Amino acid sequence: MNPITKEDFDLFRKALVETISKHEKSTFYGTFLDEFFRELCLNGDADDIKKLGNTLHVLANEKVKAAKITKGKRKGGKGKATLVVGKPGDYDVNEDYMGNEYDDFM
């Protein structure tokens, strides 16, 4: 395939996505994509590479957010642990160590 027009490139992209995504279950898929994009971008324009990097960054953030939501829903139960702290008057330091001042009387 030799794409020339925007429509040709859209068809080319769809064909590549269909072919490549068949292998997304492979353990080597992430490494493949990393090396694939690196080689594709070697001769690319810096602005185009920045745009691609931003797009991937946004996609990664969305995936992490979705995973957190899914993980939180699965967890159920009590939620986060909390620390219960007593009121300031619950413990009187003087009372613990000194006792009552009238204890020694007779």
C-alpha atoms as a PDB file:
ATOM      1  CA  MET A   1       0.000   0.000   0.000  1.00  0.00           C
ATOM      2  CA  ASN A   2       1.299   3.423  -0.929  1.00  0.00           C
ATOM      3  CA  PRO A   3      -0.837   6.081   0.815  1.00  0.00           C
ATOM      4  CA  ILE A   4      -0.953   9.555  -0.687  1.00  0.00           C
ATOM      5  CA  THR A   5      -4.156  11.252   0.445  1.00  0.00           C
ATOM      6  CA  LYS A   6      -5.544  11.646   3.960  1.00  0.00           C
ATOM      7  CA  GLU A   7      -8.124   8.947   3.227  1.00  0.00           C
ATOM      8  CA  ASP A   8      -5.342   6.618   2.059  1.00  0.00           C
ATOM      9  CA  PHE A   9      -3.451   7.221   5.302  1.00  0.00           C
ATOM     10  CA  ASP A  10      -6.624   6.563   7.326  1.00  0.00           C
ATOM     11  CA  LEU A  11      -7.089   3.230   5.566  1.00  0.00           C
ATOM     12  CA  PHE A  12      -3.396   2.454   6.036  1.00  0.00           C
ATOM     13  CA  ARG A  13      -3.621   3.277   9.763  1.00  0.00           C
ATOM     14  CA  LYS A  14      -6.680   1.067  10.198  1.00  0.00           C
ATOM     15  CA  ALA A  15      -4.950  -1.810   8.423  1.00  0.00           C
ATOM     16  CA  LEU A  16      -1.845  -1.427  10.611  1.00  0.00           C
ATOM     17  CA  VAL A  17      -3.890  -1.230  13.824  1.00  0.00           C
ATOM     18  CA  GLU A  18      -5.852  -4.329  12.848  1.00  0.00           C
ATOM     19  CA  THR A  19      -2.692  -6.264  12.024  1.00  0.00           C
ATOM     20  CA  ILE A  20      -0.652  -5.172  15.045  1.00  0.00           C
ATOM     21  CA  SER A  21      -3.421  -5.351  17.657  1.00  0.00           C
ATOM     22  CA  LYS A  22      -3.901  -9.057  16.967  1.00  0.00           C
ATOM     23  CA  HIS A  23      -0.746  -9.621  19.004  1.00  0.00           C
ATOM     24  CA  GLU A  24      -1.565  -7.437  22.036  1.00  0.00           C
ATOM     25  CA  LYS A  25      -1.818 -10.457  24.359  1.00  0.00           C
ATOM     26  CA  SER A  26       1.840 -11.324  23.772  1.00  0.00           C
ATOM     27  CA  THR A  27       4.341 -10.643  26.546  1.00  0.00           C
ATOM     28  CA  PHE A  28       6.577  -8.917  23.978  1.00  0.00           C
ATOM     29  CA  TYR A  29       3.867  -6.511  22.764  1.00  0.00           C
ATOM     30  CA  GLY A  30       4.881  -3.577  25.012  1.00  0.00           C
ATOM     31  CA  THR A  31       8.530  -3.876  24.036  1.00  0.00           C
ATOM     32  CA  PHE A  32       7.531  -4.154  20.388  1.00  0.00           C
ATOM     33  CA  LEU A  33       5.467  -0.951  20.563  1.00  0.00           C
ATOM     34  CA  ASP A  34       8.266   0.902  22.340  1.00  0.00           C
ATOM     35  CA  GLU A  35      10.840  -0.046  19.720  1.00  0.00           C
ATOM     36  CA  PHE A  36       8.341   0.414  16.867  1.00  0.00           C
ATOM     37  CA  PHE A  37       7.508   3.997  17.837  1.00  0.00           C
ATOM     38  CA  ARG A  38      11.154   4.777  18.540  1.00  0.00           C
ATOM     39  CA  GLU A  39      12.194   3.667  15.057  1.00  0.00           C
ATOM     40  CA  LEU A  40       9.256   5.423  13.416  1.00  0.00           C
ATOM     41  CA  CYS A  41      10.115   8.703  15.143  1.00  0.00           C
ATOM     42  CA  LEU A  42      13.866   8.734  14.475  1.00  0.00           C
ATOM     43  CA  ASN A  43      13.544  10.916  11.382  1.00  0.00           C
ATOM     44  CA  GLY A  44      10.362  12.688  12.445  1.00  0.00           C
ATOM     45  CA  ASP A  45       9.843  16.359  13.185  1.00  0.00           C
ATOM     46  CA  ALA A  46      10.330  17.360  16.840  1.00  0.00           C
ATOM     47  CA  ASP A  47       6.876  18.979  17.033  1.00  0.00           C
ATOM     48  CA  ASP A  48       5.196  15.834  15.701  1.00  0.00           C
ATOM     49  CA  ILE A  49       7.076  13.695  18.212  1.00  0.00           C
ATOM     50  CA  LYS A  50       6.053  16.033  21.072  1.00  0.00           C
ATOM     51  CA  LYS A  51       2.432  15.791  19.938  1.00  0.00           C
ATOM     52  CA  LEU A  52       2.655  11.992  19.885  1.00  0.00           C
ATOM     53  CA  GLY A  53       4.281  11.991  23.330  1.00  0.00           C
ATOM     54  CA  ASN A  54       1.516  14.196  24.741  1.00  0.00           C
ATOM     55  CA  THR A  55      -1.152  11.972  23.228  1.00  0.00           C
ATOM     56  CA  LEU A  56       0.432   8.868  24.760  1.00  0.00           C
ATOM     57  CA  HIS A  57       0.807  10.640  28.118  1.00  0.00           C
ATOM     58  CA  VAL A  58      -2.886  11.591  28.190  1.00  0.00           C
ATOM     59  CA  LEU A  59      -3.853   8.048  27.214  1.00  0.00           C
ATOM     60  CA  ALA A  60      -1.655   6.608  29.969  1.00  0.00           C
ATOM     61  CA  ASN A  61      -3.229   8.927  32.563  1.00  0.00           C
ATOM     62  CA  GLU A  62      -6.722   7.886  31.466  1.00  0.00           C
ATOM     63  CA  LYS A  63      -5.766   4.202  31.734  1.00  0.00           C
ATOM     64  CA  VAL A  64      -4.332   4.694  35.247  1.00  0.00           C
ATOM     65  CA  LYS A  65      -7.441   6.600  36.356  1.00  0.00           C
ATOM     66  CA  ALA A  66      -9.722   3.881  34.958  1.00  0.00           C
ATOM     67  CA  ALA A  67      -7.651   1.191  36.682  1.00  0.00           C
ATOM     68  CA  LYS A  68      -7.907   3.021  40.023  1.00  0.00           C
ATOM     69  CA  ILE A  69     -11.674   3.287  39.689  1.00  0.00           C
ATOM     70  CA  THR A  70     -11.980  -0.372  38.762  1.00  0.00           C
ATOM     71  CA  LYS A  71      -9.646  -1.400  41.597  1.00  0.00           C
ATOM     72  CA  GLY A  72     -11.607   0.692  44.086  1.00  0.00           C
ATOM     73  CA  LYS A  73     -14.925  -0.844  43.050  1.00  0.00           C
ATOM     74  CA  ARG A  74     -13.589  -4.386  43.301  1.00  0.00           C
ATOM     75  CA  LYS A  75     -12.110  -3.803  46.711  1.00  0.00           C
ATOM     76  CA  GLY A  76     -15.351  -3.020  48.524  1.00  0.00           C
ATOM     77  CA  GLY A  77     -15.086  -3.550  52.269  1.00  0.00           C
ATOM     78  CA  LYS A  78     -14.203  -0.846  54.723  1.00  0.00           C
ATOM     79  CA  GLY A  79     -12.118   1.473  52.556  1.00  0.00           C
ATOM     80  CA  LYS A  80      -9.136   3.347  53.913  1.00  0.00           C
ATOM     81  CA  ALA A  81      -7.848   2.784  57.432  1.00  0.00           C
ATOM     82  CA  THR A  82      -8.390   5.657  59.843  1.00  0.00           C
ATOM     83  CA  LEU A  83      -6.737   6.628  63.078  1.00  0.00           C
ATOM     84  CA  VAL A  84      -9.060   7.407  65.975  1.00  0.00           C
ATOM     85  CA  VAL A  85      -7.644  10.070  68.248  1.00  0.00           C
ATOM     86  CA  GLY A  86      -9.157  10.869  71.645  1.00  0.00           C
ATOM     87  CA  LYS A  87     -10.160  14.301  72.855  1.00  0.00           C
ATOM     88  CA  PRO A  88      -7.500  16.474  74.473  1.00  0.00           C
ATOM     89  CA  GLY A  89      -9.007  15.941  77.938  1.00  0.00           C
ATOM     90  CA  ASP A  90      -9.003  12.132  77.758  1.00  0.00           C
ATOM     91  CA  TYR A  91      -5.586  11.841  79.365  1.00  0.00           C
ATOM     92  CA  ASP A  92      -4.257  14.144  82.029  1.00  0.00           C
ATOM     93  CA  VAL A  93      -0.472  13.866  82.241  1.00  0.00           C
ATOM     94  CA  ASN A  94      -0.351  15.143  85.827  1.00  0.00           C
ATOM     95  CA  GLU A  95      -2.902  12.613  86.952  1.00  0.00           C
ATOM     96  CA  ASP A  96      -0.977   9.695  85.437  1.00  0.00           C
ATOM     97  CA  TYR A  97       2.361  10.464  87.062  1.00  0.00           C
ATOM     98  CA  MET A  98       1.727  12.658  90.066  1.00  0.00           C
ATOM     99  CA  GLY A  99      -1.535  11.332  91.395  1.00  0.00           C
ATOM    100  CA  ASN A 100      -3.815  13.436  93.492  1.00  0.00           C
ATOM    101  CA  GLU A 101      -2.069  15.982  95.744  1.00  0.00           C
ATOM    102  CA  TYR A 102      -4.098  14.827  98.775  1.00  0.00           C
ATOM    103  CA  ASP A 103      -3.115  11.115  98.495  1.00  0.00           C
ATOM    104  CA  ASP A 104      -0.372  11.502 101.138  1.00  0.00           C
ATOM    105  CA  PHE A 105      -2.640  12.958 103.799  1.00  0.00           C
ATOM    106  CA  MET A 106      -2.552  10.568 106.740  1.00  0.00           C
END
